[in-house]
Amino acid sequence: LKPEDTAVYYCAAALRAATPNLQLPSEYDYWGQGTLVTV
C-alpha cells in the first residue's frame, strides 16, 4: 500500500447488464456504503 491509495473504497455489483463494462460506475446497480483506507 502507498499513501496515494488513501481513499474511501466502495464495492459495487451489477445485476442487469449481460456483459457490463467493468470500468464504468453506471454499469453497476448497487453500491456498498464505503470503507475508509488510510495509508
Full PDB file with SEQRES, HELIX, SHEET, SSBOND, CRYST1, ORIGX, SCALE, CONECT and MASTER records, all heavy atoms in Angstrom:
SEQRES   1 A   39  LEU LYS PRO GLU ASP THR ALA VAL TYR TYR CYS ALA ALA          
SEQRES   2 A   39  ALA LEU ARG ALA ALA THR PRO ASN LEU GLN LEU PRO SER          
SEQRES   3 A   39  GLU TYR ASP TYR TRP GLY GLN GLY THR LEU VAL THR VAL          
HELIX    1 AA1 PRO A    3  ASP A    5  5                                   3    
HELIX    2 AA2 PRO A   25  GLU A   27  5                                   3    
SHEET    1 AA1 2 ALA A   7  TYR A   9  0                                        
SHEET    2 AA1 2 THR A  35  VAL A  37 -1                                        
SHEET    1 AA2 2 ALA A  12  ALA A  13  0                                        
SHEET    2 AA2 2 TYR A  30  TRP A  31 -1                                        
CRYST1    1.000    1.000    1.000  90.00  90.00  90.00 P 1           1          
ORIGX1      1.000000  0.000000  0.000000        0.00000                         
ORIGX2      0.000000  1.000000  0.000000        0.00000                         
ORIGX3      0.000000  0.000000  1.000000        0.00000                         
SCALE1      1.000000  0.000000  0.000000        0.00000                         
SCALE2      0.000000  1.000000  0.000000        0.00000                         
SCALE3      0.000000  0.000000  1.000000        0.00000                         
ATOM      1  N   LEU A   1       0.823  -1.206   0.000  1.00  0.00           N  
ATOM      2  CA  LEU A   1       0.000   0.000   0.000  1.00  0.00           C  
ATOM      3  C   LEU A   1       0.861   1.261   0.000  1.00  0.00           C  
ATOM      4  O   LEU A   1       1.941   1.303   0.593  1.00  0.00           O  
ATOM      5  CB  LEU A   1      -0.935  -0.010   1.198  1.00  0.00           C  
ATOM      6  CG  LEU A   1      -2.161  -0.923   1.034  1.00  0.00           C  
ATOM      7  CD1 LEU A   1      -2.789  -1.227   2.385  1.00  0.00           C  
ATOM      8  CD2 LEU A   1      -3.168  -0.284   0.086  1.00  0.00           C  
ATOM      9  N   LYS A   2       0.335   2.269  -0.680  1.00  0.00           N  
ATOM     10  CA  LYS A   2       1.022   3.552  -0.790  1.00  0.00           C  
ATOM     11  C   LYS A   2       0.119   4.648  -0.217  1.00  0.00           C  
ATOM     12  O   LYS A   2      -1.104   4.499  -0.198  1.00  0.00           O  
ATOM     13  CB  LYS A   2       1.307   3.856  -2.267  1.00  0.00           C  
ATOM     14  CG  LYS A   2       2.112   2.802  -2.985  1.00  0.00           C  
ATOM     15  CD  LYS A   2       2.251   3.150  -4.458  1.00  0.00           C  
ATOM     16  CE  LYS A   2       3.046   2.097  -5.219  1.00  0.00           C  
ATOM     17  NZ  LYS A   2       3.181   2.434  -6.651  1.00  0.00           N  
ATOM     18  N   PRO A   3       0.701   5.760   0.193  1.00  0.00           N  
ATOM     19  CA  PRO A   3      -0.135   6.861   0.698  1.00  0.00           C  
ATOM     20  C   PRO A   3      -1.191   7.298  -0.317  1.00  0.00           C  
ATOM     21  O   PRO A   3      -2.303   7.683   0.074  1.00  0.00           O  
ATOM     22  CB  PRO A   3       0.877   7.966   0.962  1.00  0.00           C  
ATOM     23  CG  PRO A   3       2.143   7.240   1.294  1.00  0.00           C  
ATOM     24  CD  PRO A   3       2.135   6.035   0.406  1.00  0.00           C  
ATOM     25  N   GLU A   4      -0.881   7.199  -1.593  1.00  0.00           N  
ATOM     26  CA  GLU A   4      -1.858   7.609  -2.612  1.00  0.00           C  
ATOM     27  C   GLU A   4      -3.027   6.640  -2.756  1.00  0.00           C  
ATOM     28  O   GLU A   4      -3.974   6.903  -3.505  1.00  0.00           O  
ATOM     29  CB  GLU A   4      -1.181   7.811  -3.975  1.00  0.00           C  
ATOM     30  CG  GLU A   4      -0.304   6.665  -4.427  1.00  0.00           C  
ATOM     31  CD  GLU A   4       1.166   6.897  -4.093  1.00  0.00           C  
ATOM     32  OE1 GLU A   4       1.475   7.359  -2.964  1.00  0.00           O  
ATOM     33  OE2 GLU A   4       2.010   6.590  -4.964  1.00  0.00           O  
ATOM     34  N   ASP A   5      -2.964   5.511  -2.048  1.00  0.00           N  
ATOM     35  CA  ASP A   5      -4.105   4.596  -2.018  1.00  0.00           C  
ATOM     36  C   ASP A   5      -5.143   5.024  -0.983  1.00  0.00           C  
ATOM     37  O   ASP A   5      -6.214   4.422  -0.897  1.00  0.00           O  
ATOM     38  CB  ASP A   5      -3.634   3.173  -1.692  1.00  0.00           C  
ATOM     39  CG  ASP A   5      -2.758   2.578  -2.779  1.00  0.00           C  
ATOM     40  OD1 ASP A   5      -3.076   2.775  -3.972  1.00  0.00           O  
ATOM     41  OD2 ASP A   5      -1.765   1.916  -2.431  1.00  0.00           O  
ATOM     42  N   THR A   6      -4.827   6.036  -0.212  1.00  0.00           N  
ATOM     43  CA  THR A   6      -5.756   6.521   0.803  1.00  0.00           C  
ATOM     44  C   THR A   6      -7.051   7.000   0.147  1.00  0.00           C  
ATOM     45  O   THR A   6      -7.030   7.847  -0.745  1.00  0.00           O  
ATOM     46  CB  THR A   6      -5.131   7.670   1.603  1.00  0.00           C  
ATOM     47  OG1 THR A   6      -4.016   7.158   2.337  1.00  0.00           O  
ATOM     48  CG2 THR A   6      -6.131   8.292   2.558  1.00  0.00           C  
ATOM     49  N   ALA A   7      -8.158   6.430   0.580  1.00  0.00           N  
ATOM     50  CA  ALA A   7      -9.460   6.754  -0.012  1.00  0.00           C  
ATOM     51  C   ALA A   7     -10.552   5.988   0.709  1.00  0.00           C  
ATOM     52  O   ALA A   7     -10.270   5.080   1.499  1.00  0.00           O  
ATOM     53  CB  ALA A   7      -9.477   6.398  -1.495  1.00  0.00           C  
ATOM     54  N   VAL A   8     -11.767   6.364   0.411  1.00  0.00           N  
ATOM     55  CA  VAL A   8     -12.908   5.530   0.791  1.00  0.00           C  
ATOM     56  C   VAL A   8     -13.127   4.554  -0.354  1.00  0.00           C  
ATOM     57  O   VAL A   8     -13.238   4.966  -1.517  1.00  0.00           O  
ATOM     58  CB  VAL A   8     -14.177   6.369   1.028  1.00  0.00           C  
ATOM     59  CG1 VAL A   8     -15.357   5.459   1.335  1.00  0.00           C  
ATOM     60  CG2 VAL A   8     -13.953   7.356   2.171  1.00  0.00           C  
ATOM     61  N   TYR A   9     -13.166   3.286  -0.022  1.00  0.00           N  
ATOM     62  CA  TYR A   9     -13.327   2.244  -1.021  1.00  0.00           C  
ATOM     63  C   TYR A   9     -14.773   1.755  -1.030  1.00  0.00           C  
ATOM     64  O   TYR A   9     -15.347   1.438   0.029  1.00  0.00           O  
ATOM     65  CB  TYR A   9     -12.382   1.085  -0.727  1.00  0.00           C  
ATOM     66  CG  TYR A   9     -10.965   1.387  -1.127  1.00  0.00           C  
ATOM     67  CD1 TYR A   9     -10.202   2.294  -0.392  1.00  0.00           C  
ATOM     68  CD2 TYR A   9     -10.379   0.802  -2.245  1.00  0.00           C  
ATOM     69  CE1 TYR A   9      -8.901   2.618  -0.763  1.00  0.00           C  
ATOM     70  CE2 TYR A   9      -9.080   1.102  -2.625  1.00  0.00           C  
ATOM     71  CZ  TYR A   9      -8.351   2.004  -1.882  1.00  0.00           C  
ATOM     72  OH  TYR A   9      -7.058   2.321  -2.255  1.00  0.00           O  
ATOM     73  N   TYR A  10     -15.341   1.699  -2.223  1.00  0.00           N  
ATOM     74  CA  TYR A  10     -16.722   1.273  -2.408  1.00  0.00           C  
ATOM     75  C   TYR A  10     -16.776   0.002  -3.242  1.00  0.00           C  
ATOM     76  O   TYR A  10     -16.106  -0.088  -4.277  1.00  0.00           O  
ATOM     77  CB  TYR A  10     -17.525   2.355  -3.134  1.00  0.00           C  
ATOM     78  CG  TYR A  10     -17.628   3.661  -2.399  1.00  0.00           C  
ATOM     79  CD1 TYR A  10     -16.694   4.664  -2.590  1.00  0.00           C  
ATOM     80  CD2 TYR A  10     -18.684   3.898  -1.520  1.00  0.00           C  
ATOM     81  CE1 TYR A  10     -16.785   5.875  -1.925  1.00  0.00           C  
ATOM     82  CE2 TYR A  10     -18.787   5.102  -0.846  1.00  0.00           C  
ATOM     83  CZ  TYR A  10     -17.829   6.084  -1.057  1.00  0.00           C  
ATOM     84  OH  TYR A  10     -17.929   7.282  -0.383  1.00  0.00           O  
ATOM     85  N   CYS A  11     -17.579  -0.937  -2.811  1.00  0.00           N  
ATOM     86  CA  CYS A  11     -17.839  -2.091  -3.659  1.00  0.00           C  
ATOM     87  C   CYS A  11     -19.152  -1.858  -4.398  1.00  0.00           C  
ATOM     88  O   CYS A  11     -20.017  -1.090  -3.953  1.00  0.00           O  
ATOM     89  CB  CYS A  11     -17.908  -3.378  -2.847  1.00  0.00           C  
ATOM     90  SG  CYS A  11     -19.138  -3.405  -1.529  1.00  0.00           S  
ATOM     91  N   ALA A  12     -19.277  -2.501  -5.535  1.00  0.00           N  
ATOM     92  CA  ALA A  12     -20.455  -2.332  -6.370  1.00  0.00           C  
ATOM     93  C   ALA A  12     -20.766  -3.638  -7.070  1.00  0.00           C  
ATOM     94  O   ALA A  12     -19.863  -4.434  -7.340  1.00  0.00           O  
ATOM     95  CB  ALA A  12     -20.219  -1.218  -7.388  1.00  0.00           C  
ATOM     96  N   ALA A  13     -22.039  -3.831  -7.382  1.00  0.00           N  
ATOM     97  CA  ALA A  13     -22.483  -5.063  -8.034  1.00  0.00           C  
ATOM     98  C   ALA A  13     -23.378  -4.732  -9.208  1.00  0.00           C  
ATOM     99  O   ALA A  13     -24.220  -3.836  -9.127  1.00  0.00           O  
ATOM    100  CB  ALA A  13     -23.226  -5.955  -7.049  1.00  0.00           C  
ATOM    101  N   ALA A  14     -23.174  -5.459 -10.293  1.00  0.00           N  
ATOM    102  CA  ALA A  14     -24.003  -5.326 -11.490  1.00  0.00           C  
ATOM    103  C   ALA A  14     -24.868  -6.570 -11.601  1.00  0.00           C  
ATOM    104  O   ALA A  14     -24.349  -7.698 -11.561  1.00  0.00           O  
ATOM    105  CB  ALA A  14     -23.132  -5.173 -12.724  1.00  0.00           C  
ATOM    106  N   LEU A  15     -26.192  -6.352 -11.751  1.00  0.00           N  
ATOM    107  CA  LEU A  15     -27.109  -7.477 -11.813  1.00  0.00           C  
ATOM    108  C   LEU A  15     -27.920  -7.513 -13.107  1.00  0.00           C  
ATOM    109  O   LEU A  15     -28.636  -8.501 -13.348  1.00  0.00           O  
ATOM    110  CB  LEU A  15     -28.091  -7.425 -10.634  1.00  0.00           C  
ATOM    111  CG  LEU A  15     -27.624  -7.986  -9.295  1.00  0.00           C  
ATOM    112  CD1 LEU A  15     -26.503  -7.143  -8.688  1.00  0.00           C  
ATOM    113  CD2 LEU A  15     -28.786  -8.073  -8.322  1.00  0.00           C  
ATOM    114  N   ARG A  16     -27.828  -6.461 -13.903  1.00  0.00           N  
ATOM    115  CA  ARG A  16     -28.716  -6.389 -15.065  1.00  0.00           C  
ATOM    116  C   ARG A  16     -27.995  -6.615 -16.385  1.00  0.00           C  
ATOM    117  O   ARG A  16     -28.419  -7.443 -17.183  1.00  0.00           O  
ATOM    118  CB  ARG A  16     -29.420  -5.033 -15.087  1.00  0.00           C  
ATOM    119  CG  ARG A  16     -30.369  -4.800 -13.923  1.00  0.00           C  
ATOM    120  CD  ARG A  16     -30.966  -3.413 -14.024  1.00  0.00           C  
ATOM    121  NE  ARG A  16     -29.930  -2.391 -13.975  1.00  0.00           N  
ATOM    122  CZ  ARG A  16     -30.129  -1.106 -14.275  1.00  0.00           C  
ATOM    123  NH1 ARG A  16     -31.320  -0.704 -14.661  1.00  0.00           N  
ATOM    124  NH2 ARG A  16     -29.141  -0.239 -14.192  1.00  0.00           N  
ATOM    125  N   ALA A  17     -26.936  -5.872 -16.657  1.00  0.00           N  
ATOM    126  CA  ALA A  17     -26.260  -5.953 -17.953  1.00  0.00           C  
ATOM    127  C   ALA A  17     -25.631  -7.329 -18.137  1.00  0.00           C  
ATOM    128  O   ALA A  17     -25.000  -7.859 -17.235  1.00  0.00           O  
ATOM    129  CB  ALA A  17     -25.198  -4.868 -18.059  1.00  0.00           C  
ATOM    130  N   ALA A  18     -25.788  -7.875 -19.328  1.00  0.00           N  
ATOM    131  CA  ALA A  18     -25.246  -9.208 -19.597  1.00  0.00           C  
ATOM    132  C   ALA A  18     -23.722  -9.204 -19.562  1.00  0.00           C  
ATOM    133  O   ALA A  18     -23.099 -10.122 -19.026  1.00  0.00           O  
ATOM    134  CB  ALA A  18     -25.745  -9.699 -20.949  1.00  0.00           C  
ATOM    135  N   THR A  19     -23.125  -8.163 -20.140  1.00  0.00           N  
ATOM    136  CA  THR A  19     -21.662  -8.043 -20.159  1.00  0.00           C  
ATOM    137  C   THR A  19     -21.301  -6.601 -19.811  1.00  0.00           C  
ATOM    138  O   THR A  19     -20.995  -5.802 -20.687  1.00  0.00           O  
ATOM    139  CB  THR A  19     -21.093  -8.422 -21.531  1.00  0.00           C  
ATOM    140  OG1 THR A  19     -21.637  -9.678 -21.938  1.00  0.00           O  
ATOM    141  CG2 THR A  19     -19.569  -8.541 -21.466  1.00  0.00           C  
ATOM    142  N   PRO A  20     -21.371  -6.255 -18.553  1.00  0.00           N  
ATOM    143  CA  PRO A  20     -21.129  -4.856 -18.184  1.00  0.00           C  
ATOM    144  C   PRO A  20     -19.682  -4.444 -18.411  1.00  0.00           C  
ATOM    145  O   PRO A  20     -18.766  -5.265 -18.318  1.00  0.00           O  
ATOM    146  CB  PRO A  20     -21.479  -4.831 -16.688  1.00  0.00           C  
ATOM    147  CG  PRO A  20     -21.295  -6.239 -16.235  1.00  0.00           C  
ATOM    148  CD  PRO A  20     -21.667  -7.099 -17.405  1.00  0.00           C  
ATOM    149  N   ASN A  21     -19.511  -3.176 -18.732  1.00  0.00           N  
ATOM    150  CA  ASN A  21     -18.175  -2.596 -18.812  1.00  0.00           C  
ATOM    151  C   ASN A  21     -17.710  -2.397 -17.376  1.00  0.00           C  
ATOM    152  O   ASN A  21     -18.240  -1.553 -16.653  1.00  0.00           O  
ATOM    153  CB  ASN A  21     -18.221  -1.274 -19.565  1.00  0.00           C  
ATOM    154  CG  ASN A  21     -16.847  -0.668 -19.756  1.00  0.00           C  
ATOM    155  OD1 ASN A  21     -16.007  -0.744 -18.872  1.00  0.00           O  
ATOM    156  ND2 ASN A  21     -16.629  -0.046 -20.900  1.00  0.00           N  
ATOM    157  N   LEU A  22     -16.734  -3.160 -16.948  1.00  0.00           N  
ATOM    158  CA  LEU A  22     -16.342  -3.195 -15.547  1.00  0.00           C  
ATOM    159  C   LEU A  22     -15.833  -1.858 -15.031  1.00  0.00           C  
ATOM    160  O   LEU A  22     -15.865  -1.616 -13.825  1.00  0.00           O  
ATOM    161  CB  LEU A  22     -15.279  -4.270 -15.333  1.00  0.00           C  
ATOM    162  CG  LEU A  22     -15.705  -5.707 -15.669  1.00  0.00           C  
ATOM    163  CD1 LEU A  22     -14.521  -6.647 -15.501  1.00  0.00           C  
ATOM    164  CD2 LEU A  22     -16.872  -6.151 -14.806  1.00  0.00           C  
ATOM    165  N   GLN A  23     -15.360  -0.998 -15.922  1.00  0.00           N  
ATOM    166  CA  GLN A  23     -14.750   0.255 -15.503  1.00  0.00           C  
ATOM    167  C   GLN A  23     -15.753   1.375 -15.255  1.00  0.00           C  
ATOM    168  O   GLN A  23     -15.399   2.389 -14.659  1.00  0.00           O  
ATOM    169  CB  GLN A  23     -13.749   0.738 -16.540  1.00  0.00           C  
ATOM    170  CG  GLN A  23     -12.625  -0.222 -16.840  1.00  0.00           C  
ATOM    171  CD  GLN A  23     -11.742   0.308 -17.936  1.00  0.00           C  
ATOM    172  OE1 GLN A  23     -10.968   1.247 -17.752  1.00  0.00           O  
ATOM    173  NE2 GLN A  23     -11.848  -0.282 -19.114  1.00  0.00           N  
ATOM    174  N   LEU A  24     -16.994   1.206 -15.740  1.00  0.00           N  
ATOM    175  CA  LEU A  24     -17.943   2.305 -15.691  1.00  0.00           C  
ATOM    176  C   LEU A  24     -18.863   2.205 -14.476  1.00  0.00           C  
ATOM    177  O   LEU A  24     -19.593   1.227 -14.319  1.00  0.00           O  
ATOM    178  CB  LEU A  24     -18.803   2.309 -16.955  1.00  0.00           C  
ATOM    179  CG  LEU A  24     -18.078   2.594 -18.260  1.00  0.00           C  
ATOM    180  CD1 LEU A  24     -19.056   2.550 -19.420  1.00  0.00           C  
ATOM    181  CD2 LEU A  24     -17.346   3.919 -18.214  1.00  0.00           C  
ATOM    182  N   PRO A  25     -18.885   3.219 -13.623  1.00  0.00           N  
ATOM    183  CA  PRO A  25     -19.788   3.204 -12.469  1.00  0.00           C  
ATOM    184  C   PRO A  25     -21.246   3.020 -12.876  1.00  0.00           C  
ATOM    185  O   PRO A  25     -22.020   2.396 -12.139  1.00  0.00           O  
ATOM    186  CB  PRO A  25     -19.562   4.574 -11.829  1.00  0.00           C  
ATOM    187  CG  PRO A  25     -18.197   4.981 -12.265  1.00  0.00           C  
ATOM    188  CD  PRO A  25     -18.039   4.431 -13.642  1.00  0.00           C  
ATOM    189  N   SER A  26     -21.625   3.547 -14.034  1.00  0.00           N  
ATOM    190  CA  SER A  26     -23.018   3.472 -14.466  1.00  0.00           C  
ATOM    191  C   SER A  26     -23.474   2.052 -14.762  1.00  0.00           C  
ATOM    192  O   SER A  26     -24.673   1.792 -14.853  1.00  0.00           O  
ATOM    193  CB  SER A  26     -23.226   4.348 -15.701  1.00  0.00           C  
ATOM    194  OG  SER A  26     -22.382   3.919 -16.757  1.00  0.00           O  
ATOM    195  N   GLU A  27     -22.534   1.132 -14.915  1.00  0.00           N  
ATOM    196  CA  GLU A  27     -22.892  -0.258 -15.212  1.00  0.00           C  
ATOM    197  C   GLU A  27     -23.292  -1.027 -13.947  1.00  0.00           C  
ATOM    198  O   GLU A  27     -23.809  -2.124 -14.047  1.00  0.00           O  
ATOM    199  CB  GLU A  27     -21.700  -0.972 -15.849  1.00  0.00           C  
ATOM    200  CG  GLU A  27     -21.310  -0.418 -17.228  1.00  0.00           C  
ATOM    201  CD  GLU A  27     -22.241  -0.878 -18.321  1.00  0.00           C  
ATOM    202  OE1 GLU A  27     -22.013  -1.948 -18.894  1.00  0.00           O  
ATOM    203  OE2 GLU A  27     -23.214  -0.146 -18.601  1.00  0.00           O  
ATOM    204  N   TYR A  28     -23.033  -0.447 -12.801  1.00  0.00           N  
ATOM    205  CA  TYR A  28     -23.293  -1.122 -11.531  1.00  0.00           C  
ATOM    206  C   TYR A  28     -24.622  -0.648 -10.940  1.00  0.00           C  
ATOM    207  O   TYR A  28     -24.945   0.539 -10.974  1.00  0.00           O  
ATOM    208  CB  TYR A  28     -22.152  -0.867 -10.557  1.00  0.00           C  
ATOM    209  CG  TYR A  28     -20.847  -1.486 -11.019  1.00  0.00           C  
ATOM    210  CD1 TYR A  28     -19.984  -0.784 -11.860  1.00  0.00           C  
ATOM    211  CD2 TYR A  28     -20.492  -2.774 -10.629  1.00  0.00           C  
ATOM    212  CE1 TYR A  28     -18.798  -1.359 -12.300  1.00  0.00           C  
ATOM    213  CE2 TYR A  28     -19.307  -3.355 -11.063  1.00  0.00           C  
ATOM    214  CZ  TYR A  28     -18.466  -2.635 -11.898  1.00  0.00           C  
ATOM    215  OH  TYR A  28     -17.290  -3.204 -12.337  1.00  0.00           O  
ATOM    216  N   ASP A  29     -25.357  -1.592 -10.385  1.00  0.00           N  
ATOM    217  CA  ASP A  29     -26.709  -1.317  -9.913  1.00  0.00           C  
ATOM    218  C   ASP A  29     -26.777  -1.067  -8.403  1.00  0.00           C  
ATOM    219  O   ASP A  29     -27.700  -0.391  -7.935  1.00  0.00           O  
ATOM    220  CB  ASP A  29     -27.616  -2.502 -10.262  1.00  0.00           C  
ATOM    221  CG  ASP A  29     -27.581  -2.820 -11.736  1.00  0.00           C  
ATOM    222  OD1 ASP A  29     -27.977  -1.966 -12.538  1.00  0.00           O  
ATOM    223  OD2 ASP A  29     -27.122  -3.939 -12.094  1.00  0.00           O  
ATOM    224  N   TYR A  30     -25.869  -1.636  -7.669  1.00  0.00           N  
ATOM    225  CA  TYR A  30     -25.899  -1.493  -6.214  1.00  0.00           C  
ATOM    226  C   TYR A  30     -24.505  -1.160  -5.702  1.00  0.00           C  
ATOM    227  O   TYR A  30     -23.505  -1.649  -6.235  1.00  0.00           O  
ATOM    228  CB  TYR A  30     -26.397  -2.788  -5.555  1.00  0.00           C  
ATOM    229  CG  TYR A  30     -27.824  -3.124  -5.928  1.00  0.00           C  
ATOM    230  CD1 TYR A  30     -28.102  -3.972  -6.996  1.00  0.00           C  
ATOM    231  CD2 TYR A  30     -28.891  -2.569  -5.223  1.00  0.00           C  
ATOM    232  CE1 TYR A  30     -29.403  -4.261  -7.353  1.00  0.00           C  
ATOM    233  CE2 TYR A  30     -30.200  -2.860  -5.571  1.00  0.00           C  
ATOM    234  CZ  TYR A  30     -30.449  -3.706  -6.639  1.00  0.00           C  
ATOM    235  OH  TYR A  30     -31.743  -3.986  -6.986  1.00  0.00           O  
ATOM    236  N   TRP A  31     -24.486  -0.367  -4.642  1.00  0.00           N  
ATOM    237  CA  TRP A  31     -23.232   0.100  -4.068  1.00  0.00           C  
ATOM    238  C   TRP A  31     -23.229  -0.128  -2.565  1.00  0.00           C  
ATOM    239  O   TRP A  31     -24.265   0.031  -1.898  1.00  0.00           O  
ATOM    240  CB  TRP A  31     -23.040   1.591  -4.351  1.00  0.00           C  
ATOM    241  CG  TRP A  31     -22.823   1.877  -5.806  1.00  0.00           C  
ATOM    242  CD1 TRP A  31     -23.771   1.969  -6.785  1.00  0.00           C  
ATOM    243  CD2 TRP A  31     -21.565   2.105  -6.444  1.00  0.00           C  
ATOM    244  NE1 TRP A  31     -23.171   2.232  -7.998  1.00  0.00           N  
ATOM    245  CE2 TRP A  31     -21.819   2.325  -7.822  1.00  0.00           C  
ATOM    246  CE3 TRP A  31     -20.252   2.148  -5.990  1.00  0.00           C  
ATOM    247  CZ2 TRP A  31     -20.808   2.577  -8.736  1.00  0.00           C  
ATOM    248  CZ3 TRP A  31     -19.235   2.408  -6.907  1.00  0.00           C  
ATOM    249  CH2 TRP A  31     -19.520   2.620  -8.263  1.00  0.00           C  
ATOM    250  N   GLY A  32     -22.060  -0.451  -2.059  1.00  0.00           N  
ATOM    251  CA  GLY A  32     -21.882  -0.540  -0.620  1.00  0.00           C  
ATOM    252  C   GLY A  32     -21.676   0.838  -0.025  1.00  0.00           C  
ATOM    253  O   GLY A  32     -21.563   1.839  -0.745  1.00  0.00           O  
ATOM    254  N   GLN A  33     -21.572   0.895   1.279  1.00  0.00           N  
ATOM    255  CA  GLN A  33     -21.513   2.170   1.976  1.00  0.00           C  
ATOM    256  C   GLN A  33     -20.102   2.759   2.011  1.00  0.00           C  
ATOM    257  O   GLN A  33     -19.945   3.924   2.356  1.00  0.00           O  
ATOM    258  CB  GLN A  33     -22.015   2.009   3.425  1.00  0.00           C  
ATOM    259  CG  GLN A  33     -20.994   1.493   4.423  1.00  0.00           C  
ATOM    260  CD  GLN A  33     -20.691   0.006   4.269  1.00  0.00           C  
ATOM    261  OE1 GLN A  33     -21.194  -0.670   3.371  1.00  0.00           O  
ATOM    262  NE2 GLN A  33     -19.859  -0.503   5.153  1.00  0.00           N  
ATOM    263  N   GLY A  34     -19.111   2.016   1.645  1.00  0.00           N  
ATOM    264  CA  GLY A  34     -17.746   2.527   1.652  1.00  0.00           C  
ATOM    265  C   GLY A  34     -17.006   2.184   2.933  1.00  0.00           C  
ATOM    266  O   GLY A  34     -17.594   2.142   4.019  1.00  0.00           O  
ATOM    267  N   THR A  35     -15.727   1.934   2.788  1.00  0.00           N  
ATOM    268  CA  THR A  35     -14.867   1.681   3.936  1.00  0.00           C  
ATOM    269  C   THR A  35     -13.576   2.467   3.739  1.00  0.00           C  
ATOM    270  O   THR A  35     -13.009   2.478   2.650  1.00  0.00           O  
ATOM    271  CB  THR A  35     -14.604   0.170   4.112  1.00  0.00           C  
ATOM    272  OG1 THR A  35     -13.839  -0.065   5.296  1.00  0.00           O  
ATOM    273  CG2 THR A  35     -13.885  -0.436   2.912  1.00  0.00           C  
ATOM    274  N   LEU A  36     -13.132   3.150   4.780  1.00  0.00           N  
ATOM    275  CA  LEU A  36     -12.007   4.069   4.677  1.00  0.00           C  
ATOM    276  C   LEU A  36     -10.681   3.343   4.837  1.00  0.00           C  
ATOM    277  O   LEU A  36     -10.482   2.599   5.804  1.00  0.00           O  
ATOM    278  CB  LEU A  36     -12.129   5.165   5.731  1.00  0.00           C  
ATOM    279  CG  LEU A  36     -10.985   6.174   5.805  1.00  0.00           C  
ATOM    280  CD1 LEU A  36     -10.855   6.958   4.499  1.00  0.00           C  
ATOM    281  CD2 LEU A  36     -11.192   7.128   6.985  1.00  0.00           C  
ATOM    282  N   VAL A  37      -9.792   3.592   3.896  1.00  0.00           N  
ATOM    283  CA  VAL A  37      -8.418   3.089   3.960  1.00  0.00           C  
ATOM    284  C   VAL A  37      -7.484   4.298   4.032  1.00  0.00           C  
ATOM    285  O   VAL A  37      -7.531   5.168   3.165  1.00  0.00           O  
ATOM    286  CB  VAL A  37      -8.079   2.225   2.733  1.00  0.00           C  
ATOM    287  CG1 VAL A  37      -6.604   1.856   2.745  1.00  0.00           C  
ATOM    288  CG2 VAL A  37      -8.952   0.979   2.709  1.00  0.00           C  
ATOM    289  N   THR A  38      -6.677   4.333   5.074  1.00  0.00           N  
ATOM    290  CA  THR A  38      -5.721   5.418   5.248  1.00  0.00           C  
ATOM    291  C   THR A  38      -4.325   4.820   5.310  1.00  0.00           C  
ATOM    292  O   THR A  38      -4.053   3.966   6.157  1.00  0.00           O  
ATOM    293  CB  THR A  38      -6.010   6.213   6.527  1.00  0.00           C  
ATOM    294  OG1 THR A  38      -7.340   6.719   6.489  1.00  0.00           O  
ATOM    295  CG2 THR A  38      -5.041   7.381   6.662  1.00  0.00           C  
ATOM    296  N   VAL A  39      -3.461   5.269   4.409  1.00  0.00           N  
ATOM    297  CA  VAL A  39      -2.094   4.758   4.349  1.00  0.00           C  
ATOM    298  C   VAL A  39      -1.141   5.898   4.667  1.00  0.00           C  
ATOM    299  O   VAL A  39      -1.116   6.911   3.970  1.00  0.00           O  
ATOM    300  CB  VAL A  39      -1.773   4.178   2.970  1.00  0.00           C  
ATOM    301  CG1 VAL A  39      -0.370   3.563   2.976  1.00  0.00           C  
ATOM    302  CG2 VAL A  39      -2.814   3.136   2.574  1.00  0.00           C  
TER     303      VAL A  39                                                      
MASTER        0    0    0    2    4    0    0    6  302    1    0    3          
END                                                                             
